[in-house]
């Protein structure tokens, strides 16, 4: 029988993967970044844990030669845009994003052409080609602040997350043209389960990411970005919380608020389980793939220089306005 396992993907079962990852990381002068939505074992081995933009900025500030980004593709792209001289690796190149998938560049070009007088604001959860078609990139943390700096008479396109766009429109009073995209995790939470949890835990605070639909945000005691949600639970240690965002963030919440109780919200499917609020793309990265990624120096993010510079401009504009 033919053995299809190549040297590039074989892992000796006797290896201590964490020790090997740390050894290889040191040998190649690498820094490991992990998003809050990664599995706990990956978060714990990372040098930095955070949201996508914050991680890229931290990586750019280090003297590391290699950035290993445990997240999804658009995050690794941003790291490469900001640190073109560094080698950027992603454990699984198939780790995409439903928001990125929902906004194809060729379709966005046609959409944008319908509104030639509009300024284009694009959420960081988008492809590098869509970023290159953008005037200003935003995150869930800084979007409101940036929108409030744009003159009232300047019309706005917001893409690709329609729920985040609707939330920002309500907050700022702006009438924005919204691209019809959603996050499959935040869209899938069950309102029935939110009500059931709140009924059974009357003292619990509901905290939600603004990528959730409006009917879910209406139940929330606090709405904010991942960093905002973490700050909220840290300031209220000893409380009880119902979490309306990707469940792996609870790993960091427990570290920041060890005396608190946290509840997942299940998905809308009949008989759904708690893993329905796990991002399937984030789950593609594993400790084994992280080890192979560092060992083999691949998969590597490469970006055409002209495209990189076009995508960098709206990122720089965001940093300037933040």
C-alpha atoms as a PDB file:
ATOM      1  CA  UNK A   1       0.000   0.000   0.000  1.00  0.00           C
ATOM      2  CA  UNK A   2       1.288   3.463  -0.896  1.00  0.00           C
ATOM      3  CA  UNK A   3       1.972   5.840   1.981  1.00  0.00           C
ATOM      4  CA  UNK A   4       0.528   9.244   1.021  1.00  0.00           C
ATOM      5  CA  UNK A   5       1.961  11.045   4.052  1.00  0.00           C
ATOM      6  CA  UNK A   6       4.784  13.320   2.917  1.00  0.00           C
ATOM      7  CA  UNK A   7       7.689  14.536   5.024  1.00  0.00           C
ATOM      8  CA  UNK A   8       6.149  18.019   4.899  1.00  0.00           C
ATOM      9  CA  UNK A   9       2.982  16.973   6.763  1.00  0.00           C
ATOM     10  CA  UNK A  10       4.212  14.120   8.959  1.00  0.00           C
ATOM     11  CA  UNK A  11       4.241  14.734  12.717  1.00  0.00           C
ATOM     12  CA  UNK A  12       6.114  12.417  15.055  1.00  0.00           C
ATOM     13  CA  UNK A  13       3.465  11.440  17.660  1.00  0.00           C
ATOM     14  CA  UNK A  14       6.096  11.474  20.396  1.00  0.00           C
ATOM     15  CA  UNK A  15       6.775  15.202  19.959  1.00  0.00           C
ATOM     16  CA  UNK A  16       5.740  17.749  22.534  1.00  0.00           C
ATOM     17  CA  UNK A  17       4.177  20.175  20.067  1.00  0.00           C
ATOM     18  CA  UNK A  18       4.271  23.184  22.360  1.00  0.00           C
ATOM     19  CA  UNK A  19       7.974  22.712  23.078  1.00  0.00           C
ATOM     20  CA  UNK A  20       8.717  22.202  19.379  1.00  0.00           C
ATOM     21  CA  UNK A  21       6.728  25.261  18.356  1.00  0.00           C
ATOM     22  CA  UNK A  22       8.555  27.416  20.896  1.00  0.00           C
ATOM     23  CA  UNK A  23      11.928  26.028  19.788  1.00  0.00           C
ATOM     24  CA  UNK A  24      11.261  26.584  16.083  1.00  0.00           C
ATOM     25  CA  UNK A  25       9.834  30.024  16.769  1.00  0.00           C
ATOM     26  CA  UNK A  26      13.028  31.044  18.532  1.00  0.00           C
ATOM     27  CA  UNK A  27      15.239  29.567  15.789  1.00  0.00           C
ATOM     28  CA  UNK A  28      13.484  31.518  13.014  1.00  0.00           C
ATOM     29  CA  UNK A  29      12.909  34.700  15.038  1.00  0.00           C
ATOM     30  CA  UNK A  30       9.145  34.430  14.667  1.00  0.00           C
ATOM     31  CA  UNK A  31       6.241  35.973  16.550  1.00  0.00           C
ATOM     32  CA  UNK A  32       2.970  34.064  16.943  1.00  0.00           C
ATOM     33  CA  UNK A  33      -0.265  36.042  16.852  1.00  0.00           C
ATOM     34  CA  UNK A  34      -3.640  34.566  17.811  1.00  0.00           C
ATOM     35  CA  UNK A  35      -7.069  36.082  17.451  1.00  0.00           C
ATOM     36  CA  UNK A  36      -9.506  35.870  20.366  1.00  0.00           C
ATOM     37  CA  UNK A  37     -11.578  33.385  18.353  1.00  0.00           C
ATOM     38  CA  UNK A  38      -8.829  30.756  18.127  1.00  0.00           C
ATOM     39  CA  UNK A  39      -8.836  27.553  20.182  1.00  0.00           C
ATOM     40  CA  UNK A  40      -7.551  28.081  23.753  1.00  0.00           C
ATOM     41  CA  UNK A  41      -4.410  25.976  23.188  1.00  0.00           C
ATOM     42  CA  UNK A  42      -3.401  28.288  20.345  1.00  0.00           C
ATOM     43  CA  UNK A  43      -4.215  31.418  22.346  1.00  0.00           C
ATOM     44  CA  UNK A  44      -2.033  30.140  25.199  1.00  0.00           C
ATOM     45  CA  UNK A  45       1.039  29.521  23.034  1.00  0.00           C
ATOM     46  CA  UNK A  46       0.811  32.846  21.202  1.00  0.00           C
ATOM     47  CA  UNK A  47       3.041  35.821  21.943  1.00  0.00           C
ATOM     48  CA  UNK A  48       0.111  38.191  21.446  1.00  0.00           C
ATOM     49  CA  UNK A  49      -3.646  37.595  21.593  1.00  0.00           C
ATOM     50  CA  UNK A  50      -6.024  40.249  20.311  1.00  0.00           C
ATOM     51  CA  UNK A  51      -8.220  41.502  17.502  1.00  0.00           C
ATOM     52  CA  UNK A  52      -6.979  41.496  13.933  1.00  0.00           C
ATOM     53  CA  UNK A  53      -5.746  45.073  13.516  1.00  0.00           C
ATOM     54  CA  UNK A  54      -4.211  45.329  16.975  1.00  0.00           C
ATOM     55  CA  UNK A  55      -2.260  42.135  16.328  1.00  0.00           C
ATOM     56  CA  UNK A  56      -0.926  43.397  12.992  1.00  0.00           C
ATOM     57  CA  UNK A  57       0.246  46.627  14.574  1.00  0.00           C
ATOM     58  CA  UNK A  58       1.976  44.734  17.390  1.00  0.00           C
ATOM     59  CA  UNK A  59       3.677  42.481  14.873  1.00  0.00           C
ATOM     60  CA  UNK A  60       4.901  45.468  12.868  1.00  0.00           C
ATOM     61  CA  UNK A  61       6.434  46.906  16.035  1.00  0.00           C
ATOM     62  CA  UNK A  62       8.455  43.777  16.866  1.00  0.00           C
ATOM     63  CA  UNK A  63      11.909  42.865  15.525  1.00  0.00           C
ATOM     64  CA  UNK A  64      10.622  39.441  14.420  1.00  0.00           C
ATOM     65  CA  UNK A  65      11.517  38.291  10.913  1.00  0.00           C
ATOM     66  CA  UNK A  66       8.468  36.034  10.642  1.00  0.00           C
ATOM     67  CA  UNK A  67       4.826  36.615  11.609  1.00  0.00           C
ATOM     68  CA  UNK A  68       2.734  33.488  12.181  1.00  0.00           C
ATOM     69  CA  UNK A  69      -0.883  34.634  12.190  1.00  0.00           C
ATOM     70  CA  UNK A  70      -3.338  32.247  13.817  1.00  0.00           C
ATOM     71  CA  UNK A  71      -6.550  33.732  12.527  1.00  0.00           C
ATOM     72  CA  UNK A  72      -8.139  33.988   9.102  1.00  0.00           C
ATOM     73  CA  UNK A  73      -6.786  35.024   5.722  1.00  0.00           C
ATOM     74  CA  UNK A  74      -7.795  38.696   5.719  1.00  0.00           C
ATOM     75  CA  UNK A  75      -5.996  39.166   9.052  1.00  0.00           C
ATOM     76  CA  UNK A  76      -2.765  37.711   7.707  1.00  0.00           C
ATOM     77  CA  UNK A  77      -3.165  39.911   4.620  1.00  0.00           C
ATOM     78  CA  UNK A  78      -3.340  43.019   6.823  1.00  0.00           C
ATOM     79  CA  UNK A  79      -0.179  41.918   8.629  1.00  0.00           C
ATOM     80  CA  UNK A  80       1.592  41.600   5.262  1.00  0.00           C
ATOM     81  CA  UNK A  81       0.269  44.983   4.095  1.00  0.00           C
ATOM     82  CA  UNK A  82       1.689  46.662   7.190  1.00  0.00           C
ATOM     83  CA  UNK A  83       4.896  44.580   7.357  1.00  0.00           C
ATOM     84  CA  UNK A  84       5.890  43.806   3.749  1.00  0.00           C
ATOM     85  CA  UNK A  85       9.500  43.095   4.724  1.00  0.00           C
ATOM     86  CA  UNK A  86       8.448  40.288   7.076  1.00  0.00           C
ATOM     87  CA  UNK A  87       7.520  36.745   6.122  1.00  0.00           C
ATOM     88  CA  UNK A  88       3.852  36.134   7.059  1.00  0.00           C
ATOM     89  CA  UNK A  89       2.573  32.589   7.560  1.00  0.00           C
ATOM     90  CA  UNK A  90      -0.986  31.290   8.036  1.00  0.00           C
ATOM     91  CA  UNK A  91      -1.426  27.736   9.392  1.00  0.00           C
ATOM     92  CA  UNK A  92      -4.314  26.962   7.022  1.00  0.00           C
ATOM     93  CA  UNK A  93      -4.785  29.013   3.854  1.00  0.00           C
ATOM     94  CA  UNK A  94      -8.405  27.813   3.680  1.00  0.00           C
ATOM     95  CA  UNK A  95      -9.213  29.842   6.815  1.00  0.00           C
ATOM     96  CA  UNK A  96     -11.413  32.442   5.178  1.00  0.00           C
ATOM     97  CA  UNK A  97     -14.317  34.589   6.378  1.00  0.00           C
ATOM     98  CA  UNK A  98     -18.000  34.611   5.493  1.00  0.00           C
ATOM     99  CA  UNK A  99     -17.954  38.422   5.281  1.00  0.00           C
ATOM    100  CA  UNK A 100     -15.060  38.299   2.825  1.00  0.00           C
ATOM    101  CA  UNK A 101     -16.865  35.593   0.821  1.00  0.00           C
ATOM    102  CA  UNK A 102     -20.028  37.708   0.735  1.00  0.00           C
ATOM    103  CA  UNK A 103     -18.296  40.644  -0.961  1.00  0.00           C
ATOM    104  CA  UNK A 104     -16.599  39.617  -4.187  1.00  0.00           C
ATOM    105  CA  UNK A 105     -14.368  42.343  -5.683  1.00  0.00           C
ATOM    106  CA  UNK A 106     -15.887  42.170  -9.167  1.00  0.00           C
ATOM    107  CA  UNK A 107     -19.392  42.564  -7.707  1.00  0.00           C
ATOM    108  CA  UNK A 108     -18.274  45.367  -5.413  1.00  0.00           C
ATOM    109  CA  UNK A 109     -16.852  47.309  -8.370  1.00  0.00           C
ATOM    110  CA  UNK A 110     -20.313  47.289 -10.009  1.00  0.00           C
ATOM    111  CA  UNK A 111     -22.038  48.193  -6.734  1.00  0.00           C
ATOM    112  CA  UNK A 112     -19.656  51.075  -6.087  1.00  0.00           C
ATOM    113  CA  UNK A 113     -20.195  52.422  -9.626  1.00  0.00           C
ATOM    114  CA  UNK A 114     -23.896  52.961  -8.827  1.00  0.00           C
ATOM    115  CA  UNK A 115     -22.953  55.543  -6.176  1.00  0.00           C
ATOM    116  CA  UNK A 116     -20.113  57.620  -7.690  1.00  0.00           C
ATOM    117  CA  UNK A 117     -20.500  60.456  -5.166  1.00  0.00           C
ATOM    118  CA  UNK A 118     -20.280  58.158  -2.124  1.00  0.00           C
ATOM    119  CA  UNK A 119     -17.226  57.676   0.063  1.00  0.00           C
ATOM    120  CA  UNK A 120     -16.518  53.974   0.655  1.00  0.00           C
ATOM    121  CA  UNK A 121     -16.017  52.672   4.197  1.00  0.00           C
ATOM    122  CA  UNK A 122     -15.073  49.012   4.383  1.00  0.00           C
ATOM    123  CA  UNK A 123     -14.935  46.851   7.473  1.00  0.00           C
ATOM    124  CA  UNK A 124     -11.528  45.246   8.014  1.00  0.00           C
ATOM    125  CA  UNK A 125     -13.241  41.849   7.560  1.00  0.00           C
ATOM    126  CA  UNK A 126     -12.859  42.030   3.788  1.00  0.00           C
ATOM    127  CA  UNK A 127     -10.526  40.854   1.044  1.00  0.00           C
ATOM    128  CA  UNK A 128      -7.411  42.769   0.074  1.00  0.00           C
ATOM    129  CA  UNK A 129      -8.939  43.497  -3.346  1.00  0.00           C
ATOM    130  CA  UNK A 130     -12.024  45.068  -1.753  1.00  0.00           C
ATOM    131  CA  UNK A 131      -9.773  47.079   0.566  1.00  0.00           C
ATOM    132  CA  UNK A 132      -8.013  48.400  -2.523  1.00  0.00           C
ATOM    133  CA  UNK A 133     -11.393  49.724  -3.755  1.00  0.00           C
ATOM    134  CA  UNK A 134     -11.989  51.513  -0.447  1.00  0.00           C
ATOM    135  CA  UNK A 135     -11.481  55.056   0.840  1.00  0.00           C
ATOM    136  CA  UNK A 136     -11.276  54.239   4.554  1.00  0.00           C
ATOM    137  CA  UNK A 137     -10.992  50.915   6.382  1.00  0.00           C
ATOM    138  CA  UNK A 138     -12.780  50.679   9.743  1.00  0.00           C
ATOM    139  CA  UNK A 139     -12.965  48.251  12.638  1.00  0.00           C
ATOM    140  CA  UNK A 140     -15.825  47.671  15.053  1.00  0.00           C
ATOM    141  CA  UNK A 141     -13.798  49.669  17.597  1.00  0.00           C
ATOM    142  CA  UNK A 142     -13.173  52.827  15.560  1.00  0.00           C
ATOM    143  CA  UNK A 143     -15.979  52.866  12.964  1.00  0.00           C
ATOM    144  CA  UNK A 144     -18.291  55.198  14.875  1.00  0.00           C
ATOM    145  CA  UNK A 145     -15.501  57.676  15.572  1.00  0.00           C
ATOM    146  CA  UNK A 146     -14.485  57.716  11.898  1.00  0.00           C
ATOM    147  CA  UNK A 147     -18.041  58.105  10.609  1.00  0.00           C
ATOM    148  CA  UNK A 148     -18.601  61.098  12.900  1.00  0.00           C
ATOM    149  CA  UNK A 149     -15.596  62.814  11.265  1.00  0.00           C
ATOM    150  CA  UNK A 150     -17.139  62.552   7.794  1.00  0.00           C
ATOM    151  CA  UNK A 151     -19.199  65.649   6.797  1.00  0.00           C
ATOM    152  CA  UNK A 152     -22.955  65.158   7.119  1.00  0.00           C
ATOM    153  CA  UNK A 153     -23.522  65.980   3.458  1.00  0.00           C
ATOM    154  CA  UNK A 154     -21.068  63.316   2.296  1.00  0.00           C
ATOM    155  CA  UNK A 155     -22.971  60.102   1.394  1.00  0.00           C
ATOM    156  CA  UNK A 156     -21.426  56.819   2.535  1.00  0.00           C
ATOM    157  CA  UNK A 157     -21.231  53.242   1.294  1.00  0.00           C
ATOM    158  CA  UNK A 158     -20.590  50.760   4.104  1.00  0.00           C
ATOM    159  CA  UNK A 159     -19.469  47.188   3.377  1.00  0.00           C
ATOM    160  CA  UNK A 160     -19.551  44.268   3.800  1.00  0.00           C
ATOM    161  CA  UNK A 161     -21.426  43.698   7.122  1.00  0.00           C
ATOM    162  CA  UNK A 162     -25.001  44.996   6.888  1.00  0.00           C
ATOM    163  CA  UNK A 163     -25.722  44.409  10.584  1.00  0.00           C
ATOM    164  CA  UNK A 164     -22.687  46.364  11.717  1.00  0.00           C
ATOM    165  CA  UNK A 165     -23.661  49.019   9.178  1.00  0.00           C
ATOM    166  CA  UNK A 166     -27.226  49.181  10.525  1.00  0.00           C
ATOM    167  CA  UNK A 167     -25.923  49.477  14.082  1.00  0.00           C
ATOM    168  CA  UNK A 168     -23.571  52.315  13.116  1.00  0.00           C
ATOM    169  CA  UNK A 169     -26.345  54.078  11.198  1.00  0.00           C
ATOM    170  CA  UNK A 170     -28.525  54.013  14.322  1.00  0.00           C
ATOM    171  CA  UNK A 171     -25.658  55.261  16.496  1.00  0.00           C
ATOM    172  CA  UNK A 172     -24.568  58.091  14.215  1.00  0.00           C
ATOM    173  CA  UNK A 173     -27.853  59.002  12.548  1.00  0.00           C
ATOM    174  CA  UNK A 174     -26.276  58.552   9.113  1.00  0.00           C
ATOM    175  CA  UNK A 175     -28.227  57.127   6.198  1.00  0.00           C
ATOM    176  CA  UNK A 176     -25.645  54.792   4.658  1.00  0.00           C
ATOM    177  CA  UNK A 177     -25.877  52.534   1.610  1.00  0.00           C
ATOM    178  CA  UNK A 178     -25.140  49.039   2.939  1.00  0.00           C
ATOM    179  CA  UNK A 179     -23.663  46.011   1.214  1.00  0.00           C
ATOM    180  CA  UNK A 180     -25.697  42.874   1.961  1.00  0.00           C
ATOM    181  CA  UNK A 181     -23.147  40.741   3.839  1.00  0.00           C
ATOM    182  CA  UNK A 182     -23.257  38.965   7.203  1.00  0.00           C
ATOM    183  CA  UNK A 183     -21.093  36.969   9.595  1.00  0.00           C
ATOM    184  CA  UNK A 184     -22.385  33.402   9.755  1.00  0.00           C
ATOM    185  CA  UNK A 185     -21.563  33.146  13.475  1.00  0.00           C
ATOM    186  CA  UNK A 186     -23.238  36.340  14.670  1.00  0.00           C
ATOM    187  CA  UNK A 187     -26.220  35.929  12.354  1.00  0.00           C
ATOM    188  CA  UNK A 188     -26.935  32.420  13.605  1.00  0.00           C
ATOM    189  CA  UNK A 189     -27.612  33.066  17.292  1.00  0.00           C
ATOM    190  CA  UNK A 190     -31.034  31.939  18.458  1.00  0.00           C
ATOM    191  CA  UNK A 191     -33.303  34.610  19.936  1.00  0.00           C
ATOM    192  CA  UNK A 192     -35.202  31.818  21.688  1.00  0.00           C
ATOM    193  CA  UNK A 193     -32.001  30.693  23.411  1.00  0.00           C
ATOM    194  CA  UNK A 194     -31.159  34.271  24.478  1.00  0.00           C
ATOM    195  CA  UNK A 195     -34.586  34.611  26.103  1.00  0.00           C
ATOM    196  CA  UNK A 196     -34.292  31.199  27.756  1.00  0.00           C
ATOM    197  CA  UNK A 197     -30.865  31.998  29.215  1.00  0.00           C
ATOM    198  CA  UNK A 198     -32.004  35.394  30.468  1.00  0.00           C
ATOM    199  CA  UNK A 199     -35.094  33.805  32.056  1.00  0.00           C
ATOM    200  CA  UNK A 200     -32.973  31.189  33.831  1.00  0.00           C
ATOM    201  CA  UNK A 201     -30.249  33.674  34.804  1.00  0.00           C
ATOM    202  CA  UNK A 202     -32.092  36.896  35.517  1.00  0.00           C
ATOM    203  CA  UNK A 203     -29.024  38.650  36.929  1.00  0.00           C
ATOM    204  CA  UNK A 204     -26.842  37.936  33.891  1.00  0.00           C
ATOM    205  CA  UNK A 205     -25.786  40.768  31.613  1.00  0.00           C
ATOM    206  CA  UNK A 206     -26.139  40.172  27.876  1.00  0.00           C
ATOM    207  CA  UNK A 207     -23.110  41.415  25.954  1.00  0.00           C
ATOM    208  CA  UNK A 208     -23.017  41.424  22.171  1.00  0.00           C
ATOM    209  CA  UNK A 209     -20.822  42.191  19.184  1.00  0.00           C
ATOM    210  CA  UNK A 210     -22.405  44.678  16.733  1.00  0.00           C
ATOM    211  CA  UNK A 211     -22.160  42.105  13.925  1.00  0.00           C
ATOM    212  CA  UNK A 212     -25.320  40.591  15.470  1.00  0.00           C
ATOM    213  CA  UNK A 213     -28.725  41.401  13.924  1.00  0.00           C
ATOM    214  CA  UNK A 214     -30.762  44.241  15.452  1.00  0.00           C
ATOM    215  CA  UNK A 215     -33.351  41.922  17.030  1.00  0.00           C
ATOM    216  CA  UNK A 216     -30.549  40.354  19.112  1.00  0.00           C
ATOM    217  CA  UNK A 217     -28.781  43.614  19.937  1.00  0.00           C
ATOM    218  CA  UNK A 218     -32.071  44.819  21.412  1.00  0.00           C
ATOM    219  CA  UNK A 219     -31.542  42.461  24.352  1.00  0.00           C
ATOM    220  CA  UNK A 220     -27.980  43.554  25.065  1.00  0.00           C
ATOM    221  CA  UNK A 221     -26.816  45.404  28.153  1.00  0.00           C
ATOM    222  CA  UNK A 222     -23.513  46.179  26.427  1.00  0.00           C
ATOM    223  CA  UNK A 223     -22.621  46.230  22.724  1.00  0.00           C
ATOM    224  CA  UNK A 224     -19.047  46.503  21.529  1.00  0.00           C
ATOM    225  CA  UNK A 225     -16.010  45.140  19.723  1.00  0.00           C
ATOM    226  CA  UNK A 226     -14.107  42.152  21.070  1.00  0.00           C
ATOM    227  CA  UNK A 227     -11.815  44.444  23.087  1.00  0.00           C
ATOM    228  CA  UNK A 228     -14.817  46.358  24.409  1.00  0.00           C
ATOM    229  CA  UNK A 229     -16.526  43.154  25.533  1.00  0.00           C
ATOM    230  CA  UNK A 230     -13.355  42.032  27.293  1.00  0.00           C
ATOM    231  CA  UNK A 231     -12.993  45.369  29.056  1.00  0.00           C
ATOM    232  CA  UNK A 232     -16.610  45.196  30.181  1.00  0.00           C
ATOM    233  CA  UNK A 233     -16.318  41.784  31.822  1.00  0.00           C
ATOM    234  CA  UNK A 234     -12.975  42.707  33.411  1.00  0.00           C
ATOM    235  CA  UNK A 235     -14.519  45.791  35.019  1.00  0.00           C
ATOM    236  CA  UNK A 236     -17.446  43.683  36.233  1.00  0.00           C
ATOM    237  CA  UNK A 237     -15.561  40.659  37.559  1.00  0.00           C
ATOM    238  CA  UNK A 238     -17.810  38.522  39.709  1.00  0.00           C
ATOM    239  CA  UNK A 239     -20.772  39.023  37.404  1.00  0.00           C
ATOM    240  CA  UNK A 240     -22.707  36.678  35.157  1.00  0.00           C
ATOM    241  CA  UNK A 241     -22.702  37.127  31.381  1.00  0.00           C
ATOM    242  CA  UNK A 242     -24.551  35.818  28.338  1.00  0.00           C
ATOM    243  CA  UNK A 243     -22.178  36.044  25.373  1.00  0.00           C
ATOM    244  CA  UNK A 244     -23.349  37.006  21.883  1.00  0.00           C
ATOM    245  CA  UNK A 245     -20.112  36.560  19.968  1.00  0.00           C
ATOM    246  CA  UNK A 246     -17.769  33.731  18.984  1.00  0.00           C
ATOM    247  CA  UNK A 247     -17.419  31.445  21.994  1.00  0.00           C
ATOM    248  CA  UNK A 248     -13.615  31.172  22.112  1.00  0.00           C
ATOM    249  CA  UNK A 249     -13.391  34.714  23.464  1.00  0.00           C
ATOM    250  CA  UNK A 250     -14.637  33.268  26.760  1.00  0.00           C
ATOM    251  CA  UNK A 251     -11.169  31.765  27.272  1.00  0.00           C
ATOM    252  CA  UNK A 252      -9.729  35.286  27.615  1.00  0.00           C
ATOM    253  CA  UNK A 253     -12.746  36.489  29.576  1.00  0.00           C
ATOM    254  CA  UNK A 254     -12.144  33.822  32.213  1.00  0.00           C
ATOM    255  CA  UNK A 255      -8.564  35.016  32.583  1.00  0.00           C
ATOM    256  CA  UNK A 256      -9.623  38.648  32.969  1.00  0.00           C
ATOM    257  CA  UNK A 257     -12.648  37.932  35.171  1.00  0.00           C
ATOM    258  CA  UNK A 258     -11.950  34.644  36.985  1.00  0.00           C
ATOM    259  CA  UNK A 259     -14.826  35.119  39.419  1.00  0.00           C
ATOM    260  CA  UNK A 260     -17.448  35.494  36.706  1.00  0.00           C
ATOM    261  CA  UNK A 261     -19.871  33.031  35.092  1.00  0.00           C
ATOM    262  CA  UNK A 262     -20.256  32.896  31.308  1.00  0.00           C
ATOM    263  CA  UNK A 263     -23.006  31.391  29.156  1.00  0.00           C
ATOM    264  CA  UNK A 264     -22.840  30.521  25.452  1.00  0.00           C
ATOM    265  CA  UNK A 265     -25.851  31.134  23.236  1.00  0.00           C
ATOM    266  CA  UNK A 266     -26.790  28.312  20.886  1.00  0.00           C
ATOM    267  CA  UNK A 267     -27.545  28.632  17.193  1.00  0.00           C
ATOM    268  CA  UNK A 268     -30.900  28.740  15.404  1.00  0.00           C
ATOM    269  CA  UNK A 269     -30.834  25.155  14.159  1.00  0.00           C
ATOM    270  CA  UNK A 270     -33.252  22.801  15.869  1.00  0.00           C
ATOM    271  CA  UNK A 271     -31.346  20.923  18.565  1.00  0.00           C
ATOM    272  CA  UNK A 272     -28.287  23.115  17.981  1.00  0.00           C
ATOM    273  CA  UNK A 273     -25.327  22.806  20.280  1.00  0.00           C
ATOM    274  CA  UNK A 274     -22.967  25.399  21.730  1.00  0.00           C
ATOM    275  CA  UNK A 275     -20.374  24.869  18.987  1.00  0.00           C
ATOM    276  CA  UNK A 276     -22.759  26.631  16.600  1.00  0.00           C
ATOM    277  CA  UNK A 277     -21.253  29.883  17.851  1.00  0.00           C
ATOM    278  CA  UNK A 278     -17.747  28.755  16.892  1.00  0.00           C
ATOM    279  CA  UNK A 279     -16.339  30.178  13.657  1.00  0.00           C
ATOM    280  CA  UNK A 280     -15.733  27.224  11.301  1.00  0.00           C
ATOM    281  CA  UNK A 281     -12.942  29.138   9.548  1.00  0.00           C
ATOM    282  CA  UNK A 282     -11.081  29.896  12.778  1.00  0.00           C
ATOM    283  CA  UNK A 283     -11.351  26.226  13.757  1.00  0.00           C
ATOM    284  CA  UNK A 284      -9.315  25.224  10.691  1.00  0.00           C
ATOM    285  CA  UNK A 285      -6.183  26.362  12.511  1.00  0.00           C
ATOM    286  CA  UNK A 286      -4.941  23.702  14.927  1.00  0.00           C
ATOM    287  CA  UNK A 287      -1.843  23.220  17.054  1.00  0.00           C
ATOM    288  CA  UNK A 288      -0.661  20.558  14.598  1.00  0.00           C
ATOM    289  CA  UNK A 289      -1.039  22.907  11.628  1.00  0.00           C
ATOM    290  CA  UNK A 290       0.708  25.662  13.566  1.00  0.00           C
ATOM    291  CA  UNK A 291       3.660  23.338  14.169  1.00  0.00           C
ATOM    292  CA  UNK A 292       3.844  22.309  10.495  1.00  0.00           C
ATOM    293  CA  UNK A 293       3.499  25.915   9.386  1.00  0.00           C
ATOM    294  CA  UNK A 294       6.535  26.985  11.407  1.00  0.00           C
ATOM    295  CA  UNK A 295       8.497  23.831  10.580  1.00  0.00           C
ATOM    296  CA  UNK A 296       7.944  24.165   6.816  1.00  0.00           C
ATOM    297  CA  UNK A 297       7.797  27.961   6.566  1.00  0.00           C
ATOM    298  CA  UNK A 298       4.496  27.646   4.695  1.00  0.00           C
ATOM    299  CA  UNK A 299       1.767  28.468   3.762  1.00  0.00           C
ATOM    300  CA  UNK A 300       3.092  31.970   3.157  1.00  0.00           C
ATOM    301  CA  UNK A 301       1.114  35.117   2.382  1.00  0.00           C
ATOM    302  CA  UNK A 302       2.294  36.869  -0.770  1.00  0.00           C
ATOM    303  CA  UNK A 303       0.753  40.050  -2.191  1.00  0.00           C
ATOM    304  CA  UNK A 304       1.386  41.889  -5.436  1.00  0.00           C
ATOM    305  CA  UNK A 305       3.142  45.148  -4.517  1.00  0.00           C
ATOM    306  CA  UNK A 306       0.777  47.378  -6.495  1.00  0.00           C
ATOM    307  CA  UNK A 307      -2.228  45.771  -4.807  1.00  0.00           C
ATOM    308  CA  UNK A 308      -0.559  46.023  -1.397  1.00  0.00           C
ATOM    309  CA  UNK A 309       0.002  49.752  -1.803  1.00  0.00           C
ATOM    310  CA  UNK A 310      -3.590  50.321  -2.948  1.00  0.00           C
ATOM    311  CA  UNK A 311      -4.890  48.427   0.105  1.00  0.00           C
ATOM    312  CA  UNK A 312      -2.478  50.186   2.424  1.00  0.00           C
ATOM    313  CA  UNK A 313      -3.829  53.672   1.652  1.00  0.00           C
ATOM    314  CA  UNK A 314      -7.281  53.184   3.266  1.00  0.00           C
ATOM    315  CA  UNK A 315      -5.608  51.477   6.238  1.00  0.00           C
ATOM    316  CA  UNK A 316      -3.331  54.477   6.707  1.00  0.00           C
ATOM    317  CA  UNK A 317      -6.373  56.774   6.438  1.00  0.00           C
ATOM    318  CA  UNK A 318      -8.049  54.777   9.185  1.00  0.00           C
ATOM    319  CA  UNK A 319      -5.016  55.053  11.455  1.00  0.00           C
ATOM    320  CA  UNK A 320      -4.871  58.786  10.815  1.00  0.00           C
ATOM    321  CA  UNK A 321      -8.544  59.254  11.737  1.00  0.00           C
ATOM    322  CA  UNK A 322      -8.364  56.959  14.764  1.00  0.00           C
END
